[in-house]
Amino acid sequence: MAEVKEYWRWKEYNWKNPDINWQDAAVITAGIDVGSVSSQAVIMCDGELYAFSNMRTGSDSPNSALNAINWAMADTGLTQKNIHFTVGTGYGRVNVPFADRAITEIACHARGANYMYGPTVRTILDMGGQDCKAIHCNEKGKVISFIMNDKCAAGTGRGMEVFANLLGVSIEEVGERSLQVDEEPGPVSSTCVVFAKTEATGLLRSGWSTEKVLAAYCSAMAHRVVSLLERIGMEEDFAITGGIAKNVGVVSRLEKELGVKALKTRHDTQIAGAIGGALFAKALVEKGKK
């Protein structure tokens, strides 16, 4: 039997900073972000990013958290005994068995975005696997207000995965392919993944190219998110976190509708929540020492 290609699969990987020796650190902390679709573990040494992992969430949160931290520690010589404090966040934050504290993903994403993009960030859009969040924060990454939409997977990472599989396009190529159109089509239905899939199938049968359908879906996703940002009110500087931040097709259309350029970062946009968790962990360790 021929192997069925899973177009929705994105790259899972781990990383460590070759310029940091964790044995020299006074405080080692971890942030574990267990989301509905992906899980990330971040390890920080004295508040600097040392190692992380980014992987698919498994069938249960405790195992996903363990797998994530173990992969982040791989080939470092670190063990959980070396980590002074761990914060769990995300959808499965209360089910991280080795966490010392659970903190909401809203707070952690704001704190993480502040680290990744700098203190000028005021509006953060977190485009996650099953929901989207618009967050206002201050110069220290503290949440001032937020709004979220989790009614349907349309406009989220999971919705994009469904479309990638439907159209037979690698999830990592969707954004670029969606820009390969001569004229921007109208958006497909953005109210429900099921409706959007049905509409997309009909468009393909009517002669639309794959690129044109992708453009229509990316446009719909961008428009859906803009309405969320309009409800909370846009305030610059603007940053995007989450997996969809890697999709140039959605981001470029979002920037065009908003008339604002999103800040860039050298960090993986999916680890913002875990970074925030690790930073909160450091603050809690230091608070305990006072």
C-alpha atoms as a PDB file:
ATOM      1  CA  MET A   1       0.000   0.000   0.000  1.00  0.00           C
ATOM      2  CA  ALA A   2       1.342   3.414  -0.984  1.00  0.00           C
ATOM      3  CA  GLU A   3       2.255   5.734   1.889  1.00  0.00           C
ATOM      4  CA  VAL A   4      -0.212   8.586   2.350  1.00  0.00           C
ATOM      5  CA  LYS A   5       1.617  11.907   2.562  1.00  0.00           C
ATOM      6  CA  GLU A   6       0.622  14.112   5.473  1.00  0.00           C
ATOM      7  CA  TYR A   7       0.837  17.601   3.990  1.00  0.00           C
ATOM      8  CA  TRP A   8      -0.167  19.219   7.271  1.00  0.00           C
ATOM      9  CA  ARG A   9       2.990  18.103   9.088  1.00  0.00           C
ATOM     10  CA  TRP A  10       5.297  20.971   9.979  1.00  0.00           C
ATOM     11  CA  LYS A  11       8.932  20.739  11.034  1.00  0.00           C
ATOM     12  CA  GLU A  12       9.505  19.572  14.601  1.00  0.00           C
ATOM     13  CA  TYR A  13      12.936  20.367  15.996  1.00  0.00           C
ATOM     14  CA  ASN A  14      15.068  21.247  18.988  1.00  0.00           C
ATOM     15  CA  TRP A  15      17.866  23.775  19.429  1.00  0.00           C
ATOM     16  CA  LYS A  16      20.512  24.789  21.936  1.00  0.00           C
ATOM     17  CA  ASN A  17      22.647  27.920  22.219  1.00  0.00           C
ATOM     18  CA  PRO A  18      26.301  26.994  21.625  1.00  0.00           C
ATOM     19  CA  ASP A  19      27.455  30.206  23.327  1.00  0.00           C
ATOM     20  CA  ILE A  20      25.978  29.367  26.739  1.00  0.00           C
ATOM     21  CA  ASN A  21      27.327  26.902  29.302  1.00  0.00           C
ATOM     22  CA  TRP A  22      24.435  26.090  31.594  1.00  0.00           C
ATOM     23  CA  GLN A  23      26.836  25.103  34.364  1.00  0.00           C
ATOM     24  CA  ASP A  24      27.843  28.775  34.655  1.00  0.00           C
ATOM     25  CA  ALA A  25      24.255  29.916  35.237  1.00  0.00           C
ATOM     26  CA  ALA A  26      23.004  31.011  38.652  1.00  0.00           C
ATOM     27  CA  VAL A  27      19.337  30.456  37.751  1.00  0.00           C
ATOM     28  CA  ILE A  28      18.048  27.878  35.261  1.00  0.00           C
ATOM     29  CA  THR A  29      14.320  27.999  34.479  1.00  0.00           C
ATOM     30  CA  ALA A  30      11.918  26.328  32.074  1.00  0.00           C
ATOM     31  CA  GLY A  31       8.649  27.223  30.397  1.00  0.00           C
ATOM     32  CA  ILE A  32       6.407  24.470  29.013  1.00  0.00           C
ATOM     33  CA  ASP A  33       3.648  25.532  26.613  1.00  0.00           C
ATOM     34  CA  VAL A  34       1.290  22.630  25.961  1.00  0.00           C
ATOM     35  CA  GLY A  35      -1.112  23.739  23.253  1.00  0.00           C
ATOM     36  CA  SER A  36      -3.943  21.906  21.538  1.00  0.00           C
ATOM     37  CA  VAL A  37      -1.814  21.358  18.412  1.00  0.00           C
ATOM     38  CA  SER A  38       1.825  21.936  19.387  1.00  0.00           C
ATOM     39  CA  SER A  39       3.985  21.865  22.516  1.00  0.00           C
ATOM     40  CA  GLN A  40       7.142  23.842  23.235  1.00  0.00           C
ATOM     41  CA  ALA A  41       9.686  23.646  26.031  1.00  0.00           C
ATOM     42  CA  VAL A  42      12.128  26.505  26.641  1.00  0.00           C
ATOM     43  CA  ILE A  43      15.113  26.460  28.988  1.00  0.00           C
ATOM     44  CA  MET A  44      16.696  29.769  30.008  1.00  0.00           C
ATOM     45  CA  CYS A  45      19.957  30.427  31.813  1.00  0.00           C
ATOM     46  CA  ASP A  46      19.880  33.644  33.827  1.00  0.00           C
ATOM     47  CA  GLY A  47      17.069  34.903  31.606  1.00  0.00           C
ATOM     48  CA  GLU A  48      18.800  34.098  28.302  1.00  0.00           C
ATOM     49  CA  LEU A  49      17.498  31.526  25.824  1.00  0.00           C
ATOM     50  CA  TYR A  50      19.587  28.368  26.140  1.00  0.00           C
ATOM     51  CA  ALA A  51      17.556  25.553  24.547  1.00  0.00           C
ATOM     52  CA  PHE A  52      14.090  24.719  23.272  1.00  0.00           C
ATOM     53  CA  SER A  53      11.998  22.119  21.522  1.00  0.00           C
ATOM     54  CA  ASN A  54       8.992  22.561  19.257  1.00  0.00           C
ATOM     55  CA  MET A  55       6.876  19.496  18.579  1.00  0.00           C
ATOM     56  CA  ARG A  56       3.405  18.145  17.947  1.00  0.00           C
ATOM     57  CA  THR A  57       1.165  17.748  21.003  1.00  0.00           C
ATOM     58  CA  GLY A  58       0.464  14.074  21.640  1.00  0.00           C
ATOM     59  CA  SER A  59      -2.602  12.300  22.916  1.00  0.00           C
ATOM     60  CA  ASP A  60      -2.318  13.688  26.443  1.00  0.00           C
ATOM     61  CA  SER A  61      -0.834  16.788  28.058  1.00  0.00           C
ATOM     62  CA  PRO A  62       1.441  15.160  30.705  1.00  0.00           C
ATOM     63  CA  ASN A  63       3.308  13.042  28.145  1.00  0.00           C
ATOM     64  CA  SER A  64       3.491  15.952  25.695  1.00  0.00           C
ATOM     65  CA  ALA A  65       5.076  18.112  28.387  1.00  0.00           C
ATOM     66  CA  LEU A  66       7.587  15.399  29.316  1.00  0.00           C
ATOM     67  CA  ASN A  67       8.502  14.744  25.693  1.00  0.00           C
ATOM     68  CA  ALA A  68       8.992  18.454  25.062  1.00  0.00           C
ATOM     69  CA  ILE A  69      11.286  19.086  28.049  1.00  0.00           C
ATOM     70  CA  ASN A  70      13.281  15.907  27.425  1.00  0.00           C
ATOM     71  CA  TRP A  71      13.866  16.882  23.797  1.00  0.00           C
ATOM     72  CA  ALA A  72      14.886  20.403  24.805  1.00  0.00           C
ATOM     73  CA  MET A  73      17.438  18.927  27.226  1.00  0.00           C
ATOM     74  CA  ALA A  74      18.764  16.378  24.725  1.00  0.00           C
ATOM     75  CA  ASP A  75      22.562  16.465  24.291  1.00  0.00           C
ATOM     76  CA  THR A  76      22.943  19.259  26.864  1.00  0.00           C
ATOM     77  CA  GLY A  77      23.800  17.232  29.951  1.00  0.00           C
ATOM     78  CA  LEU A  78      20.924  18.931  31.757  1.00  0.00           C
ATOM     79  CA  THR A  79      18.366  17.017  33.804  1.00  0.00           C
ATOM     80  CA  GLN A  80      15.169  18.255  35.443  1.00  0.00           C
ATOM     81  CA  LYS A  81      17.052  18.315  38.771  1.00  0.00           C
ATOM     82  CA  ASN A  82      19.222  21.137  37.379  1.00  0.00           C
ATOM     83  CA  ILE A  83      16.202  23.332  36.640  1.00  0.00           C
ATOM     84  CA  HIS A  84      15.337  25.618  39.550  1.00  0.00           C
ATOM     85  CA  PHE A  85      11.748  26.449  38.581  1.00  0.00           C
ATOM     86  CA  THR A  86       9.325  25.420  35.828  1.00  0.00           C
ATOM     87  CA  VAL A  87       6.150  27.180  34.675  1.00  0.00           C
ATOM     88  CA  GLY A  88       3.447  25.405  32.685  1.00  0.00           C
ATOM     89  CA  THR A  89       1.291  27.378  30.274  1.00  0.00           C
ATOM     90  CA  GLY A  90      -1.044  26.853  27.342  1.00  0.00           C
ATOM     91  CA  TYR A  91      -4.106  24.681  26.885  1.00  0.00           C
ATOM     92  CA  GLY A  92      -2.647  21.876  29.025  1.00  0.00           C
ATOM     93  CA  ARG A  93      -0.865  24.004  31.634  1.00  0.00           C
ATOM     94  CA  VAL A  94      -2.544  22.375  34.637  1.00  0.00           C
ATOM     95  CA  ASN A  95      -1.414  18.949  33.411  1.00  0.00           C
ATOM     96  CA  VAL A  96       2.338  19.554  33.338  1.00  0.00           C
ATOM     97  CA  PRO A  97       3.373  17.056  36.052  1.00  0.00           C
ATOM     98  CA  PHE A  98       6.728  18.646  36.895  1.00  0.00           C
ATOM     99  CA  ALA A  99       5.670  22.324  36.787  1.00  0.00           C
ATOM    100  CA  ASP A 100       6.041  24.424  39.935  1.00  0.00           C
ATOM    101  CA  ARG A 101       3.389  26.898  38.772  1.00  0.00           C
ATOM    102  CA  ALA A 102       0.761  27.251  36.014  1.00  0.00           C
ATOM    103  CA  ILE A 103       0.319  30.652  34.344  1.00  0.00           C
ATOM    104  CA  THR A 104      -2.132  31.566  31.565  1.00  0.00           C
ATOM    105  CA  GLU A 105      -0.964  31.618  27.961  1.00  0.00           C
ATOM    106  CA  ILE A 106      -2.185  35.219  27.637  1.00  0.00           C
ATOM    107  CA  ALA A 107       0.298  36.426  30.264  1.00  0.00           C
ATOM    108  CA  CYS A 108       3.089  34.189  28.962  1.00  0.00           C
ATOM    109  CA  HIS A 109       2.700  35.221  25.320  1.00  0.00           C
ATOM    110  CA  ALA A 110       2.832  38.888  26.259  1.00  0.00           C
ATOM    111  CA  ARG A 111       5.964  38.365  28.352  1.00  0.00           C
ATOM    112  CA  GLY A 112       7.534  36.188  25.655  1.00  0.00           C
ATOM    113  CA  ALA A 113       6.758  38.672  22.880  1.00  0.00           C
ATOM    114  CA  ASN A 114       8.364  41.419  24.947  1.00  0.00           C
ATOM    115  CA  TYR A 115      11.562  39.327  25.056  1.00  0.00           C
ATOM    116  CA  MET A 116      11.432  38.331  21.380  1.00  0.00           C
ATOM    117  CA  TYR A 117      10.460  41.656  19.815  1.00  0.00           C
ATOM    118  CA  GLY A 118      11.556  44.222  22.387  1.00  0.00           C
ATOM    119  CA  PRO A 119       9.857  46.586  24.874  1.00  0.00           C
ATOM    120  CA  THR A 120       8.182  48.725  22.195  1.00  0.00           C
ATOM    121  CA  VAL A 121       5.589  45.999  21.482  1.00  0.00           C
ATOM    122  CA  ARG A 122       2.085  47.095  22.426  1.00  0.00           C
ATOM    123  CA  THR A 123      -0.240  44.853  20.374  1.00  0.00           C
ATOM    124  CA  ILE A 124       0.361  41.112  20.053  1.00  0.00           C
ATOM    125  CA  LEU A 125      -1.551  38.728  17.842  1.00  0.00           C
ATOM    126  CA  ASP A 126      -1.144  35.091  18.863  1.00  0.00           C
ATOM    127  CA  MET A 127      -2.374  32.840  16.063  1.00  0.00           C
ATOM    128  CA  GLY A 128      -2.486  29.449  17.726  1.00  0.00           C
ATOM    129  CA  GLY A 129      -3.604  25.970  16.785  1.00  0.00           C
ATOM    130  CA  GLN A 130      -7.245  26.319  17.850  1.00  0.00           C
ATOM    131  CA  ASP A 131      -7.741  29.982  18.727  1.00  0.00           C
ATOM    132  CA  CYS A 132      -6.527  33.517  18.082  1.00  0.00           C
ATOM    133  CA  LYS A 133      -5.763  36.083  20.757  1.00  0.00           C
ATOM    134  CA  ALA A 134      -5.222  39.839  20.485  1.00  0.00           C
ATOM    135  CA  ILE A 135      -3.295  41.245  23.441  1.00  0.00           C
ATOM    136  CA  HIS A 136      -2.357  44.745  24.592  1.00  0.00           C
ATOM    137  CA  CYS A 137       0.681  44.977  26.863  1.00  0.00           C
ATOM    138  CA  ASN A 138       2.960  47.594  28.383  1.00  0.00           C
ATOM    139  CA  GLU A 139       6.710  48.085  27.987  1.00  0.00           C
ATOM    140  CA  LYS A 140       7.413  45.284  30.473  1.00  0.00           C
ATOM    141  CA  GLY A 141       5.231  42.746  28.696  1.00  0.00           C
ATOM    142  CA  LYS A 142       2.433  42.957  31.259  1.00  0.00           C
ATOM    143  CA  VAL A 143      -1.069  42.367  29.874  1.00  0.00           C
ATOM    144  CA  ILE A 144      -3.329  45.405  29.847  1.00  0.00           C
ATOM    145  CA  SER A 145      -6.252  43.864  27.944  1.00  0.00           C
ATOM    146  CA  PHE A 146      -6.995  40.986  25.579  1.00  0.00           C
ATOM    147  CA  ILE A 147      -9.677  39.426  23.433  1.00  0.00           C
ATOM    148  CA  MET A 148      -9.840  35.982  21.888  1.00  0.00           C
ATOM    149  CA  ASN A 149     -11.777  33.968  19.358  1.00  0.00           C
ATOM    150  CA  ASP A 150     -11.975  30.200  19.799  1.00  0.00           C
ATOM    151  CA  LYS A 151     -15.360  29.421  18.274  1.00  0.00           C
ATOM    152  CA  CYS A 152     -14.016  27.537  15.277  1.00  0.00           C
ATOM    153  CA  ALA A 153     -10.709  26.276  13.858  1.00  0.00           C
ATOM    154  CA  ALA A 154     -11.132  28.568  10.837  1.00  0.00           C
ATOM    155  CA  GLY A 155      -8.545  31.310  11.139  1.00  0.00           C
ATOM    156  CA  THR A 156      -6.201  29.120  13.209  1.00  0.00           C
ATOM    157  CA  GLY A 157      -3.247  26.819  12.670  1.00  0.00           C
ATOM    158  CA  ARG A 158      -5.416  23.719  12.657  1.00  0.00           C
ATOM    159  CA  GLY A 159      -7.628  25.222   9.963  1.00  0.00           C
ATOM    160  CA  MET A 160      -4.551  25.862   7.825  1.00  0.00           C
ATOM    161  CA  GLU A 161      -3.418  22.252   8.322  1.00  0.00           C
ATOM    162  CA  VAL A 162      -6.796  20.994   7.117  1.00  0.00           C
ATOM    163  CA  PHE A 163      -6.493  23.130   3.981  1.00  0.00           C
ATOM    164  CA  ALA A 164      -2.937  22.000   3.292  1.00  0.00           C
ATOM    165  CA  ASN A 165      -4.061  18.374   3.378  1.00  0.00           C
ATOM    166  CA  LEU A 166      -7.126  19.092   1.252  1.00  0.00           C
ATOM    167  CA  LEU A 167      -5.095  20.776  -1.487  1.00  0.00           C
ATOM    168  CA  GLY A 168      -2.040  18.509  -1.269  1.00  0.00           C
ATOM    169  CA  VAL A 169       0.351  21.381  -0.500  1.00  0.00           C
ATOM    170  CA  SER A 170       3.002  21.191   2.206  1.00  0.00           C
ATOM    171  CA  ILE A 171       2.005  23.401   5.154  1.00  0.00           C
ATOM    172  CA  GLU A 172       5.364  25.163   4.889  1.00  0.00           C
ATOM    173  CA  GLU A 173       4.688  26.086   1.234  1.00  0.00           C
ATOM    174  CA  VAL A 174       1.122  27.360   1.628  1.00  0.00           C
ATOM    175  CA  GLY A 175       2.067  31.002   2.205  1.00  0.00           C
ATOM    176  CA  GLU A 176       4.428  31.337  -0.763  1.00  0.00           C
ATOM    177  CA  ARG A 177       2.085  29.413  -3.073  1.00  0.00           C
ATOM    178  CA  SER A 178      -0.822  31.682  -2.092  1.00  0.00           C
ATOM    179  CA  LEU A 179       1.094  34.689  -3.411  1.00  0.00           C
ATOM    180  CA  GLN A 180       1.598  33.128  -6.861  1.00  0.00           C
ATOM    181  CA  VAL A 181      -1.579  34.627  -8.345  1.00  0.00           C
ATOM    182  CA  ASP A 182      -1.995  37.340 -10.959  1.00  0.00           C
ATOM    183  CA  GLU A 183      -5.049  38.792  -9.268  1.00  0.00           C
ATOM    184  CA  GLU A 184      -6.227  38.528  -5.674  1.00  0.00           C
ATOM    185  CA  PRO A 185      -9.456  36.464  -5.463  1.00  0.00           C
ATOM    186  CA  GLY A 186     -12.261  37.099  -3.024  1.00  0.00           C
ATOM    187  CA  PRO A 187     -11.962  35.225   0.293  1.00  0.00           C
ATOM    188  CA  VAL A 188     -13.587  31.850   0.862  1.00  0.00           C
ATOM    189  CA  SER A 189     -15.935  31.343   3.797  1.00  0.00           C
ATOM    190  CA  SER A 190     -14.128  32.155   7.031  1.00  0.00           C
ATOM    191  CA  THR A 191     -16.902  31.228   9.432  1.00  0.00           C
ATOM    192  CA  CYS A 192     -16.251  27.472   9.585  1.00  0.00           C
ATOM    193  CA  VAL A 193     -13.562  25.058   8.366  1.00  0.00           C
ATOM    194  CA  VAL A 194     -16.210  22.632   7.084  1.00  0.00           C
ATOM    195  CA  PHE A 195     -17.895  25.328   4.985  1.00  0.00           C
ATOM    196  CA  ALA A 196     -14.534  26.628   3.755  1.00  0.00           C
ATOM    197  CA  LYS A 197     -13.484  23.109   2.703  1.00  0.00           C
ATOM    198  CA  THR A 198     -16.734  22.601   0.809  1.00  0.00           C
ATOM    199  CA  GLU A 199     -16.369  25.936  -0.940  1.00  0.00           C
ATOM    200  CA  ALA A 200     -12.709  25.269  -1.807  1.00  0.00           C
ATOM    201  CA  THR A 201     -13.565  21.871  -3.299  1.00  0.00           C
ATOM    202  CA  GLY A 202     -16.229  23.508  -5.448  1.00  0.00           C
ATOM    203  CA  LEU A 203     -13.794  26.187  -6.632  1.00  0.00           C
ATOM    204  CA  LEU A 204     -11.223  23.579  -7.649  1.00  0.00           C
ATOM    205  CA  ARG A 205     -13.880  21.713  -9.636  1.00  0.00           C
ATOM    206  CA  SER A 206     -14.892  24.945 -11.341  1.00  0.00           C
ATOM    207  CA  GLY A 207     -11.340  25.442 -12.622  1.00  0.00           C
ATOM    208  CA  TRP A 208      -9.623  27.529  -9.958  1.00  0.00           C
ATOM    209  CA  SER A 209      -5.910  26.801  -9.548  1.00  0.00           C
ATOM    210  CA  THR A 210      -4.564  25.523  -6.254  1.00  0.00           C
ATOM    211  CA  GLU A 211      -2.719  28.819  -5.793  1.00  0.00           C
ATOM    212  CA  LYS A 212      -5.898  30.823  -6.275  1.00  0.00           C
ATOM    213  CA  VAL A 213      -7.781  28.744  -3.692  1.00  0.00           C
ATOM    214  CA  LEU A 214      -4.885  29.123  -1.249  1.00  0.00           C
ATOM    215  CA  ALA A 215      -4.903  32.871  -1.829  1.00  0.00           C
ATOM    216  CA  ALA A 216      -8.634  32.985  -1.108  1.00  0.00           C
ATOM    217  CA  TYR A 217      -8.228  31.045   2.132  1.00  0.00           C
ATOM    218  CA  CYS A 218      -5.209  33.060   3.343  1.00  0.00           C
ATOM    219  CA  SER A 219      -7.167  36.234   2.558  1.00  0.00           C
ATOM    220  CA  ALA A 220     -10.134  34.958   4.576  1.00  0.00           C
ATOM    221  CA  MET A 221      -7.886  34.098   7.515  1.00  0.00           C
ATOM    222  CA  ALA A 222      -6.248  37.532   7.457  1.00  0.00           C
ATOM    223  CA  HIS A 223      -9.625  39.291   7.278  1.00  0.00           C
ATOM    224  CA  ARG A 224     -10.975  37.256  10.197  1.00  0.00           C
ATOM    225  CA  VAL A 225      -7.996  38.262  12.334  1.00  0.00           C
ATOM    226  CA  VAL A 226      -8.244  41.938  11.359  1.00  0.00           C
ATOM    227  CA  SER A 227     -11.778  42.049  12.748  1.00  0.00           C
ATOM    228  CA  LEU A 228     -10.447  40.688  16.054  1.00  0.00           C
ATOM    229  CA  LEU A 229      -7.753  43.377  16.186  1.00  0.00           C
ATOM    230  CA  GLU A 230     -10.269  46.083  15.315  1.00  0.00           C
ATOM    231  CA  ARG A 231     -12.376  45.015  18.299  1.00  0.00           C
ATOM    232  CA  ILE A 232      -9.494  45.424  20.750  1.00  0.00           C
ATOM    233  CA  GLY A 233      -7.985  48.433  18.954  1.00  0.00           C
ATOM    234  CA  MET A 234      -4.624  48.439  17.202  1.00  0.00           C
ATOM    235  CA  GLU A 235      -1.707  50.077  18.937  1.00  0.00           C
ATOM    236  CA  GLU A 236       1.824  50.010  17.545  1.00  0.00           C
ATOM    237  CA  ASP A 237       4.286  48.381  17.716  1.00  0.00           C
ATOM    238  CA  PHE A 238       2.650  45.192  16.442  1.00  0.00           C
ATOM    239  CA  ALA A 239       3.971  41.629  16.696  1.00  0.00           C
ATOM    240  CA  ILE A 240       2.655  38.195  15.729  1.00  0.00           C
ATOM    241  CA  THR A 241       3.316  34.953  17.593  1.00  0.00           C
ATOM    242  CA  GLY A 242       2.294  31.367  16.882  1.00  0.00           C
ATOM    243  CA  GLY A 243       2.692  29.085  13.896  1.00  0.00           C
ATOM    244  CA  ILE A 244       0.685  31.195  11.456  1.00  0.00           C
ATOM    245  CA  ALA A 245       3.257  33.975  11.901  1.00  0.00           C
ATOM    246  CA  LYS A 246       5.448  31.824   9.617  1.00  0.00           C
ATOM    247  CA  ASN A 247       2.861  31.960   6.811  1.00  0.00           C
ATOM    248  CA  VAL A 248       3.852  34.873   4.560  1.00  0.00           C
ATOM    249  CA  GLY A 249       0.567  34.598   2.671  1.00  0.00           C
ATOM    250  CA  VAL A 250      -1.492  35.379   5.765  1.00  0.00           C
ATOM    251  CA  VAL A 251       0.955  37.876   7.295  1.00  0.00           C
ATOM    252  CA  SER A 252       1.382  39.979   4.130  1.00  0.00           C
ATOM    253  CA  ARG A 253      -2.392  40.199   3.618  1.00  0.00           C
ATOM    254  CA  LEU A 254      -2.900  41.032   7.276  1.00  0.00           C
ATOM    255  CA  GLU A 255      -0.311  43.819   7.068  1.00  0.00           C
ATOM    256  CA  LYS A 256      -1.995  45.190   3.944  1.00  0.00           C
ATOM    257  CA  GLU A 257      -5.429  45.318   5.585  1.00  0.00           C
ATOM    258  CA  LEU A 258      -4.057  46.899   8.748  1.00  0.00           C
ATOM    259  CA  GLY A 259      -1.675  49.275   6.992  1.00  0.00           C
ATOM    260  CA  VAL A 260       0.949  48.241   9.552  1.00  0.00           C
ATOM    261  CA  LYS A 261       4.131  46.175   9.255  1.00  0.00           C
ATOM    262  CA  ALA A 262       4.582  43.470  11.864  1.00  0.00           C
ATOM    263  CA  LEU A 263       7.873  43.416  13.757  1.00  0.00           C
ATOM    264  CA  LYS A 264      10.394  40.722  12.818  1.00  0.00           C
ATOM    265  CA  THR A 265      12.269  38.405  15.165  1.00  0.00           C
ATOM    266  CA  ARG A 266      15.125  35.940  14.885  1.00  0.00           C
ATOM    267  CA  HIS A 267      13.315  33.603  17.272  1.00  0.00           C
ATOM    268  CA  ASP A 268      10.839  30.855  16.402  1.00  0.00           C
ATOM    269  CA  THR A 269       7.432  32.523  16.729  1.00  0.00           C
ATOM    270  CA  GLN A 270       5.945  29.340  18.200  1.00  0.00           C
ATOM    271  CA  ILE A 271       8.033  29.497  21.384  1.00  0.00           C
ATOM    272  CA  ALA A 272       6.741  32.852  22.670  1.00  0.00           C
ATOM    273  CA  GLY A 273       4.506  31.290  25.337  1.00  0.00           C
ATOM    274  CA  ALA A 274       7.228  28.971  26.607  1.00  0.00           C
ATOM    275  CA  ILE A 275       9.737  31.854  26.728  1.00  0.00           C
ATOM    276  CA  GLY A 276       7.253  33.847  28.776  1.00  0.00           C
ATOM    277  CA  GLY A 277       6.822  30.900  31.121  1.00  0.00           C
ATOM    278  CA  ALA A 278      10.577  30.572  31.637  1.00  0.00           C
ATOM    279  CA  LEU A 279      10.870  34.316  32.332  1.00  0.00           C
ATOM    280  CA  PHE A 280       8.052  34.180  34.883  1.00  0.00           C
ATOM    281  CA  ALA A 281       9.857  31.225  36.463  1.00  0.00           C
ATOM    282  CA  LYS A 282      13.038  33.304  36.805  1.00  0.00           C
ATOM    283  CA  ALA A 283      11.095  36.160  38.420  1.00  0.00           C
ATOM    284  CA  LEU A 284       9.499  33.742  40.883  1.00  0.00           C
ATOM    285  CA  VAL A 285      12.878  32.269  41.833  1.00  0.00           C
ATOM    286  CA  GLU A 286      14.313  35.744  42.428  1.00  0.00           C
ATOM    287  CA  LYS A 287      11.234  36.787  44.397  1.00  0.00           C
ATOM    288  CA  GLY A 288      11.640  33.719  46.616  1.00  0.00           C
ATOM    289  CA  LYS A 289      15.246  34.616  47.363  1.00  0.00           C
ATOM    290  CA  LYS A 290      14.383  38.082  48.668  1.00  0.00           C
END
